[in-house]
Amino acid sequence: MKQIVINTAYITLGQFLKLSDCISTGGQAKFFVVETKIEVNGQAENRRGRKLVPQDIVKVEGFGQFEVISS
């Protein structure tokens, strides 16, 4: 499981996808979340504005599993 470090209280799913190198630009997030199976803590998610906090587990089909951690 890859760890993604954030320096704030939360990060949006769209920002997370860019930070984890699943997408190359933030503008791709809108289409990526619709076309790709994403789970947050075992629940399907398709809102790019979903707030992720430390200890959340994110599974992105084709990219793997990630854990959000604080610095």
N, C-alpha and C. Protein backbone atom coordinates (compact mmCIF):
# COMPACT_ATOMS: atom_id res chain seq x y z
N MET A 1 0.86 -1.18 0.00
CA MET A 1 0.00 0.00 0.00
C MET A 1 0.89 1.24 0.00
N LYS A 2 0.62 2.14 -0.92
CA LYS A 2 1.38 3.38 -1.02
C LYS A 2 0.79 4.39 -0.04
N GLN A 3 1.65 5.21 0.54
CA GLN A 3 1.21 6.24 1.47
C GLN A 3 1.32 7.61 0.81
N ILE A 4 0.26 8.39 0.94
CA ILE A 4 0.23 9.75 0.42
C ILE A 4 0.19 10.69 1.61
N VAL A 5 1.21 11.54 1.72
CA VAL A 5 1.35 12.45 2.86
C VAL A 5 0.69 13.78 2.54
N ILE A 6 -0.15 14.25 3.48
CA ILE A 6 -0.76 15.57 3.34
C ILE A 6 -0.34 16.44 4.53
N ASN A 7 -0.30 17.76 4.29
CA ASN A 7 0.11 18.70 5.34
C ASN A 7 -1.06 19.50 5.90
N THR A 8 -2.27 19.15 5.46
CA THR A 8 -3.47 19.86 5.89
C THR A 8 -4.41 18.89 6.59
N ALA A 9 -5.52 19.39 7.09
CA ALA A 9 -6.48 18.54 7.79
C ALA A 9 -7.15 17.54 6.85
N TYR A 10 -7.33 17.95 5.58
CA TYR A 10 -7.96 17.07 4.60
C TYR A 10 -7.48 17.43 3.21
N ILE A 11 -7.79 16.58 2.25
CA ILE A 11 -7.49 16.82 0.84
C ILE A 11 -8.69 16.30 0.04
N THR A 12 -9.01 16.96 -1.06
CA THR A 12 -10.14 16.47 -1.85
C THR A 12 -9.69 15.29 -2.70
N LEU A 13 -10.63 14.48 -3.12
CA LEU A 13 -10.32 13.33 -3.95
C LEU A 13 -9.63 13.76 -5.24
N GLY A 14 -10.08 14.85 -5.83
CA GLY A 14 -9.46 15.36 -7.05
C GLY A 14 -8.00 15.72 -6.84
N GLN A 15 -7.69 16.40 -5.74
CA GLN A 15 -6.30 16.75 -5.41
C GLN A 15 -5.49 15.48 -5.13
N PHE A 16 -6.12 14.54 -4.44
CA PHE A 16 -5.46 13.28 -4.11
C PHE A 16 -5.05 12.53 -5.37
N LEU A 17 -5.94 12.47 -6.36
CA LEU A 17 -5.64 11.74 -7.59
C LEU A 17 -4.44 12.33 -8.31
N LYS A 18 -4.30 13.64 -8.28
CA LYS A 18 -3.15 14.29 -8.90
C LYS A 18 -1.89 14.01 -8.07
N LEU A 19 -1.99 14.12 -6.76
CA LEU A 19 -0.84 13.90 -5.87
C LEU A 19 -0.33 12.46 -5.95
N SER A 20 -1.24 11.51 -6.15
CA SER A 20 -0.86 10.10 -6.22
C SER A 20 -0.47 9.66 -7.63
N ASP A 21 -0.41 10.61 -8.57
CA ASP A 21 -0.02 10.34 -9.96
C ASP A 21 -1.00 9.46 -10.72
N CYS A 22 -2.24 9.42 -10.30
CA CYS A 22 -3.27 8.70 -11.06
C CYS A 22 -3.69 9.52 -12.27
N ILE A 23 -3.65 10.84 -12.13
CA ILE A 23 -3.93 11.75 -13.24
C ILE A 23 -2.79 12.78 -13.29
N SER A 24 -2.63 13.42 -14.44
CA SER A 24 -1.53 14.37 -14.56
C SER A 24 -1.96 15.82 -14.32
N THR A 25 -3.24 16.12 -14.53
CA THR A 25 -3.73 17.48 -14.27
C THR A 25 -5.04 17.42 -13.48
N GLY A 26 -5.31 18.45 -12.74
CA GLY A 26 -6.53 18.51 -11.95
C GLY A 26 -7.79 18.49 -12.81
N GLY A 27 -7.69 19.01 -14.03
CA GLY A 27 -8.84 19.05 -14.92
C GLY A 27 -9.32 17.67 -15.34
N GLN A 28 -8.46 16.68 -15.27
CA GLN A 28 -8.82 15.31 -15.64
C GLN A 28 -9.67 14.63 -14.58
N ALA A 29 -9.69 15.16 -13.37
CA ALA A 29 -10.37 14.50 -12.25
C ALA A 29 -11.85 14.29 -12.50
N LYS A 30 -12.51 15.28 -13.10
CA LYS A 30 -13.96 15.20 -13.33
C LYS A 30 -14.32 13.95 -14.13
N PHE A 31 -13.58 13.70 -15.18
CA PHE A 31 -13.86 12.54 -16.04
C PHE A 31 -13.32 11.25 -15.43
N PHE A 32 -12.18 11.34 -14.76
CA PHE A 32 -11.54 10.15 -14.17
C PHE A 32 -12.43 9.49 -13.13
N VAL A 33 -13.06 10.28 -12.26
CA VAL A 33 -13.89 9.70 -11.20
C VAL A 33 -15.15 9.05 -11.76
N VAL A 34 -15.60 9.48 -12.93
CA VAL A 34 -16.78 8.89 -13.56
C VAL A 34 -16.42 7.58 -14.25
N GLU A 35 -15.24 7.55 -14.88
CA GLU A 35 -14.84 6.41 -15.71
C GLU A 35 -14.08 5.32 -14.95
N THR A 36 -13.58 5.61 -13.76
CA THR A 36 -12.72 4.69 -13.02
C THR A 36 -13.37 4.29 -11.70
N LYS A 37 -13.26 3.01 -11.35
CA LYS A 37 -13.80 2.54 -10.07
C LYS A 37 -12.87 3.00 -8.94
N ILE A 38 -13.44 3.78 -8.03
CA ILE A 38 -12.69 4.30 -6.88
C ILE A 38 -13.47 3.97 -5.62
N GLU A 39 -12.77 3.46 -4.61
CA GLU A 39 -13.37 3.18 -3.31
C GLU A 39 -12.63 3.95 -2.23
N VAL A 40 -13.39 4.54 -1.32
CA VAL A 40 -12.82 5.19 -0.15
C VAL A 40 -13.33 4.45 1.07
N ASN A 41 -12.44 3.85 1.81
CA ASN A 41 -12.80 3.05 2.99
C ASN A 41 -13.84 1.98 2.65
N GLY A 42 -13.69 1.36 1.48
CA GLY A 42 -14.57 0.27 1.09
C GLY A 42 -15.87 0.69 0.43
N GLN A 43 -16.13 1.99 0.32
CA GLN A 43 -17.36 2.49 -0.27
C GLN A 43 -17.06 3.13 -1.63
N ALA A 44 -17.87 2.82 -2.64
CA ALA A 44 -17.69 3.41 -3.96
C ALA A 44 -17.80 4.93 -3.86
N GLU A 45 -16.95 5.63 -4.62
CA GLU A 45 -16.94 7.09 -4.56
C GLU A 45 -16.76 7.66 -5.95
N ASN A 46 -17.56 8.68 -6.30
CA ASN A 46 -17.41 9.32 -7.60
C ASN A 46 -17.49 10.85 -7.49
N ARG A 47 -17.32 11.38 -6.29
CA ARG A 47 -17.31 12.83 -6.09
C ARG A 47 -15.88 13.31 -5.96
N ARG A 48 -15.44 14.14 -6.90
CA ARG A 48 -14.05 14.59 -6.83
C ARG A 48 -13.81 15.55 -5.67
N GLY A 49 -14.88 16.10 -5.09
CA GLY A 49 -14.76 17.00 -3.95
C GLY A 49 -14.79 16.29 -2.61
N ARG A 50 -14.90 14.97 -2.62
CA ARG A 50 -14.93 14.19 -1.36
C ARG A 50 -13.69 14.50 -0.54
N LYS A 51 -13.89 14.85 0.72
CA LYS A 51 -12.76 15.17 1.60
C LYS A 51 -12.14 13.90 2.16
N LEU A 52 -10.85 13.78 1.99
CA LEU A 52 -10.10 12.65 2.53
C LEU A 52 -9.28 13.14 3.71
N VAL A 53 -9.28 12.37 4.77
CA VAL A 53 -8.53 12.72 5.98
C VAL A 53 -7.51 11.63 6.26
N PRO A 54 -6.51 11.93 7.11
CA PRO A 54 -5.53 10.89 7.44
C PRO A 54 -6.20 9.60 7.91
N GLN A 55 -5.65 8.49 7.51
CA GLN A 55 -6.07 7.12 7.79
C GLN A 55 -7.15 6.63 6.83
N ASP A 56 -7.60 7.46 5.89
CA ASP A 56 -8.52 6.98 4.85
C ASP A 56 -7.75 6.06 3.90
N ILE A 57 -8.41 5.01 3.45
CA ILE A 57 -7.83 4.07 2.49
C ILE A 57 -8.56 4.27 1.16
N VAL A 58 -7.80 4.50 0.10
CA VAL A 58 -8.37 4.76 -1.22
C VAL A 58 -7.87 3.70 -2.18
N LYS A 59 -8.81 3.01 -2.85
CA LYS A 59 -8.47 2.04 -3.89
C LYS A 59 -8.86 2.63 -5.24
N VAL A 60 -7.90 2.67 -6.16
CA VAL A 60 -8.15 3.20 -7.49
C VAL A 60 -7.86 2.08 -8.48
N GLU A 61 -8.88 1.67 -9.21
CA GLU A 61 -8.74 0.56 -10.16
C GLU A 61 -7.63 0.88 -11.17
N GLY A 62 -6.70 -0.04 -11.30
CA GLY A 62 -5.60 0.12 -12.23
C GLY A 62 -4.38 0.83 -11.64
N PHE A 63 -4.52 1.40 -10.44
CA PHE A 63 -3.41 2.13 -9.83
C PHE A 63 -3.03 1.60 -8.45
N GLY A 64 -3.92 0.87 -7.80
CA GLY A 64 -3.59 0.28 -6.52
C GLY A 64 -4.32 0.89 -5.34
N GLN A 65 -3.76 0.63 -4.17
CA GLN A 65 -4.37 1.04 -2.91
C GLN A 65 -3.45 2.05 -2.23
N PHE A 66 -4.04 3.08 -1.66
CA PHE A 66 -3.31 4.16 -1.04
C PHE A 66 -3.85 4.44 0.36
N GLU A 67 -2.98 4.93 1.23
CA GLU A 67 -3.40 5.38 2.57
C GLU A 67 -3.02 6.84 2.70
N VAL A 68 -3.96 7.65 3.17
CA VAL A 68 -3.70 9.07 3.41
C VAL A 68 -3.10 9.19 4.81
N ILE A 69 -1.94 9.84 4.92
CA ILE A 69 -1.31 10.04 6.23
C ILE A 69 -0.94 11.51 6.38
N SER A 70 -0.85 11.96 7.61
CA SER A 70 -0.45 13.35 7.86
C SER A 70 1.04 13.40 8.11
N SER A 71 1.61 14.57 7.81
CA SER A 71 3.07 14.73 8.00
C SER A 71 3.41 15.03 9.43
